[in-house]
Protein backbone atom coordinates (compact mmCIF):
# COMPACT_ATOMS: atom_id res chain seq x y z
CA LEU A 1 16.55 37.39 11.62
CA GLU A 2 19.17 36.13 9.35
CA LEU A 3 19.61 32.48 9.11
CA PRO A 4 22.25 30.68 10.78
CA ASP A 5 25.27 29.64 9.04
CA GLN A 6 25.82 26.59 10.95
CA PRO A 7 22.65 24.31 11.66
CA GLY A 8 21.75 23.63 15.71
CA LYS A 9 23.15 27.82 15.93
CA PRO A 10 20.61 30.19 16.91
CA PRO A 11 19.69 32.82 14.38
CA MET A 12 21.72 36.25 14.18
CA ARG A 13 19.09 39.08 14.64
CA ARG A 14 20.10 42.62 13.73
CA ALA A 15 19.97 45.73 16.27
CA ASP A 16 16.75 46.72 14.63
CA ASP A 17 14.85 43.46 14.82
CA GLU A 18 12.38 44.35 17.49
CA ALA A 19 10.99 40.66 17.91
CA LEU A 20 11.27 38.57 21.38
CA PRO A 21 14.90 37.52 21.80
CA VAL A 22 15.35 33.70 20.99
CA ARG A 23 14.63 31.23 23.72
CA ARG A 24 16.53 28.06 23.61
CA HIS A 25 15.23 24.91 25.63
CA PRO A 26 17.63 23.34 28.15
CA ALA A 27 18.62 20.65 25.76
CA GLN A 28 19.73 23.00 23.52
CA LEU A 29 22.10 24.76 26.28
CA ASP A 30 25.67 23.84 27.16
CA PRO A 31 25.66 21.86 30.12
CA GLN A 32 27.08 24.34 32.39
CA GLU A 33 24.62 26.63 31.49
CA ALA A 34 21.76 24.47 31.58
CA HIS A 35 22.77 23.25 35.06
CA ARG A 36 22.98 27.51 35.99
CA ARG A 37 19.52 27.75 34.84
CA GLU A 38 18.26 24.52 36.51
CA LEU A 39 19.21 25.83 39.80
CA ALA A 40 18.30 28.96 39.01
CA ALA A 41 14.30 27.65 38.68
CA LEU A 42 14.79 25.38 41.82
CA ARG A 43 15.83 28.55 43.82
CA GLY A 44 12.75 30.36 42.05
CA PRO A 45 8.99 30.02 42.77
CA GLN A 46 7.48 26.94 41.63
CA LEU A 47 4.20 26.29 39.88
CA THR A 48 1.74 23.41 40.55
CA PRO A 49 1.51 22.05 37.13
CA ARG A 50 -2.11 22.45 36.80
CA ALA A 51 -3.66 25.09 35.36
CA LEU A 52 -7.43 26.65 35.39
CA LEU A 53 -8.70 28.21 31.97
CA VAL A 54 -11.58 30.34 32.57
CA ASP A 55 -13.04 32.02 28.95
CA ASP A 56 -16.89 31.78 27.77
CA SER A 57 -15.71 30.66 24.31
CA GLU A 58 -15.71 26.96 24.16
CA VAL A 59 -13.09 27.02 20.87
CA ALA A 60 -10.98 29.41 23.17
CA LEU A 61 -10.99 26.97 26.12
CA HIS A 62 -9.86 24.13 24.05
CA PHE A 63 -7.41 25.78 21.86
CA LEU A 64 -5.51 27.04 25.10
CA LYS A 65 -6.03 23.56 26.73
CA ARG A 66 -4.32 21.63 23.87
CA GLN A 67 -1.35 24.43 23.87
CA LEU A 68 -0.67 23.94 27.58
CA GLN A 69 -0.90 20.39 27.54
CA GLY A 70 2.22 20.44 25.33
CA TYR A 71 3.96 21.78 28.11
CA GLY A 72 2.81 18.93 30.88
CA LEU A 73 0.37 21.07 32.32
CA ASP A 74 -2.98 19.49 33.64
CA CYS A 75 -5.80 21.52 32.94
CA ASP A 76 -9.72 22.34 34.22
CA LEU A 77 -12.02 24.00 32.18
CA ALA A 78 -14.50 26.77 33.45
CA ARG A 79 -16.97 28.97 31.24
CA ASN A 80 -17.57 31.26 33.95
CA SER A 81 -17.10 32.75 37.48
CA GLU A 82 -18.82 30.82 39.59
CA ARG A 83 -17.57 27.33 37.78
CA ALA A 84 -14.36 28.89 38.37
CA LEU A 85 -14.78 30.18 42.01
CA GLY A 86 -15.75 26.10 42.71
CA LEU A 87 -12.67 24.48 41.35
CA LEU A 88 -10.49 27.06 42.74
CA GLY A 89 -11.79 26.05 46.11
CA GLN A 90 -11.51 22.54 45.48
CA HIS A 91 -7.86 21.77 43.59
CA VAL A 92 -4.35 23.49 44.22
CA TYR A 93 -3.66 25.75 40.59
CA GLY A 94 -0.27 27.40 39.86
CA LEU A 95 -1.80 28.87 37.00
CA VAL A 96 -5.18 30.55 35.99
CA PHE A 97 -5.82 31.77 32.45
CA LEU A 98 -8.55 34.21 32.69
CA ASP A 99 -10.40 35.87 29.51
CA LEU A 100 -11.21 40.08 30.40
CA ASP A 101 -14.87 39.27 29.13
CA LEU A 102 -16.73 36.08 30.29
CA GLY A 103 -20.08 36.95 28.90
CA PRO A 104 -23.59 37.40 29.93
CA ASP A 105 -23.45 34.03 31.98
CA SER A 106 -20.90 35.03 34.22
CA ARG A 107 -21.85 36.75 37.53
CA LEU A 108 -18.08 38.61 37.71
CA ASP A 109 -16.44 39.89 34.81
CA GLY A 110 -12.65 38.63 34.16
CA LEU A 111 -11.00 41.63 36.17
CA THR A 112 -13.37 41.02 39.42
CA LEU A 113 -12.53 37.46 39.35
CA CYS A 114 -8.88 38.12 38.91
CA HIS A 115 -8.80 40.45 41.84
CA GLN A 116 -11.12 37.78 43.99
CA ILE A 117 -8.36 34.99 42.73
CA ARG A 118 -5.41 37.07 44.10
CA TYR A 119 -6.51 38.81 47.26
CA ARG A 120 -9.46 37.37 48.57
CA LEU A 121 -9.66 33.64 48.20
CA HIS A 122 -7.95 30.80 50.41
CA TYR A 123 -6.73 27.87 48.55
CA PRO A 124 -6.00 24.36 49.68
CA GLY A 125 -2.20 24.88 48.95
CA GLY A 126 -1.82 28.15 50.69
CA ARG A 127 -0.66 30.14 48.11
CA ALA A 128 -2.72 31.76 45.12
CA PRO A 129 -1.93 30.80 41.55
CA MET A 130 -0.50 32.74 39.29
CA VAL A 131 -2.94 34.81 37.34
CA VAL A 132 -2.55 35.14 33.58
CA MET A 133 -5.10 37.64 31.46
CA VAL A 134 -5.95 36.20 27.82
CA SER A 135 -7.73 38.65 26.40
CA ALA A 136 -8.94 40.27 22.62
CA PHE A 137 -8.68 43.52 24.34
CA HIS A 138 -4.95 44.00 24.83
CA ASP A 139 -4.03 47.86 24.75
CA PRO A 140 -1.98 49.07 27.12
CA VAL A 141 -4.88 50.35 29.34
CA ASP A 142 -6.33 46.84 29.67
CA GLN A 143 -2.97 45.74 30.74
CA VAL A 144 -2.67 48.38 33.22
CA ARG A 145 -6.26 47.58 34.64
CA GLY A 146 -5.46 43.32 34.64
CA THR A 147 -2.16 44.38 36.45
CA LEU A 148 -3.88 46.41 39.13
CA ALA A 149 -6.66 43.61 39.86
CA GLY A 150 -3.88 41.23 40.19
CA ALA A 151 -2.99 39.84 37.05
CA GLU A 152 0.97 38.68 36.82
CA ALA A 153 0.75 38.37 32.96
CA TYR A 154 -1.39 39.47 29.84
CA LEU A 155 -1.85 37.67 26.52
CA GLY A 156 -3.49 39.07 23.44
CA LYS A 157 -6.05 36.85 21.50
CA PRO A 158 -5.39 35.44 18.92
CA LEU A 159 -3.13 33.37 21.19
CA ASP A 160 0.12 34.68 21.08
CA LEU A 161 2.28 31.66 21.20
CA PRO A 162 5.73 32.60 21.26
CA ALA A 163 4.47 34.87 24.33
CA LEU A 164 3.43 31.81 25.96
CA ASP A 165 6.91 30.17 25.14
CA GLN A 166 8.24 32.75 26.49
CA LEU A 167 6.06 33.29 29.96
CA LEU A 168 6.07 29.64 30.96
CA GLY A 169 9.53 29.37 30.18
CA ARG A 170 10.60 31.67 33.03
CA HIS A 171 8.98 29.03 35.43
CA GLY A 172 10.87 26.50 34.02
CA LEU A 173 7.47 24.95 31.67
CA TYR A 174 9.02 23.93 27.89
CA ARG A 175 7.75 21.89 25.04
CA PRO A 176 9.65 18.74 24.76
CA LEU A 177 12.11 18.95 21.49
CA GLY A 178 12.64 16.27 18.95
CA PRO A 179 15.14 16.03 16.35
CA GLY A 180 16.79 19.36 15.09
CA GLY A 181 15.06 21.15 17.97
CA ALA A 182 11.40 21.12 16.60
CA ALA A 183 8.51 20.66 19.30
CA LEU A 184 8.30 16.67 20.18
CA HIS A 185 4.59 15.73 19.84
CA ARG A 186 4.32 12.03 20.42
CA PRO A 187 1.39 9.67 20.78
CA GLY A 188 -0.27 9.30 23.50
CA HIS A 189 1.82 12.57 25.26
CA PRO A 190 -0.52 15.73 26.10
CA GLY A 191 0.99 17.62 23.46
CA HIS A 192 0.05 15.71 20.99
CA ARG A 193 -1.83 16.66 18.05
């Protein structure tokens, strides 16, 4: 990465830079581009701004919850498959973040639960939520297994924050920006730390 010559301009990338492309918040775009993206987002699938997080680790659940609240998502937590299935029958979710290994206290593993969520359950909102696998096991074989089970995205642990930002940005979910393009964290705002 090269630093920008002028403040407010995105950094330039070299041809050999393999990092994720620079994503800009809609407030940083020119008005015509922002309007084009807004119309495209309205034509695309809309996500219910509620997420179910399923992981046997209390620490991982709360870390992910704090990150997702910064995007304006309401989050429910489940530490095993039984609790997750119960919550899925009661609420409409746009997203389910699901760990691959749910530990010994869970009747189902993450892949089996993913398959049930995507293909077997009937939902109050009529549409299955988007399932995102979040796992320390993130080699290509595990990603293929997740895809075959019905996962639409795969994030590695420790949580890959730029990949999370890119994933949610594709669905029109962004962190609010403060002065200078930094993420805004206001007291009382869900993203406040």
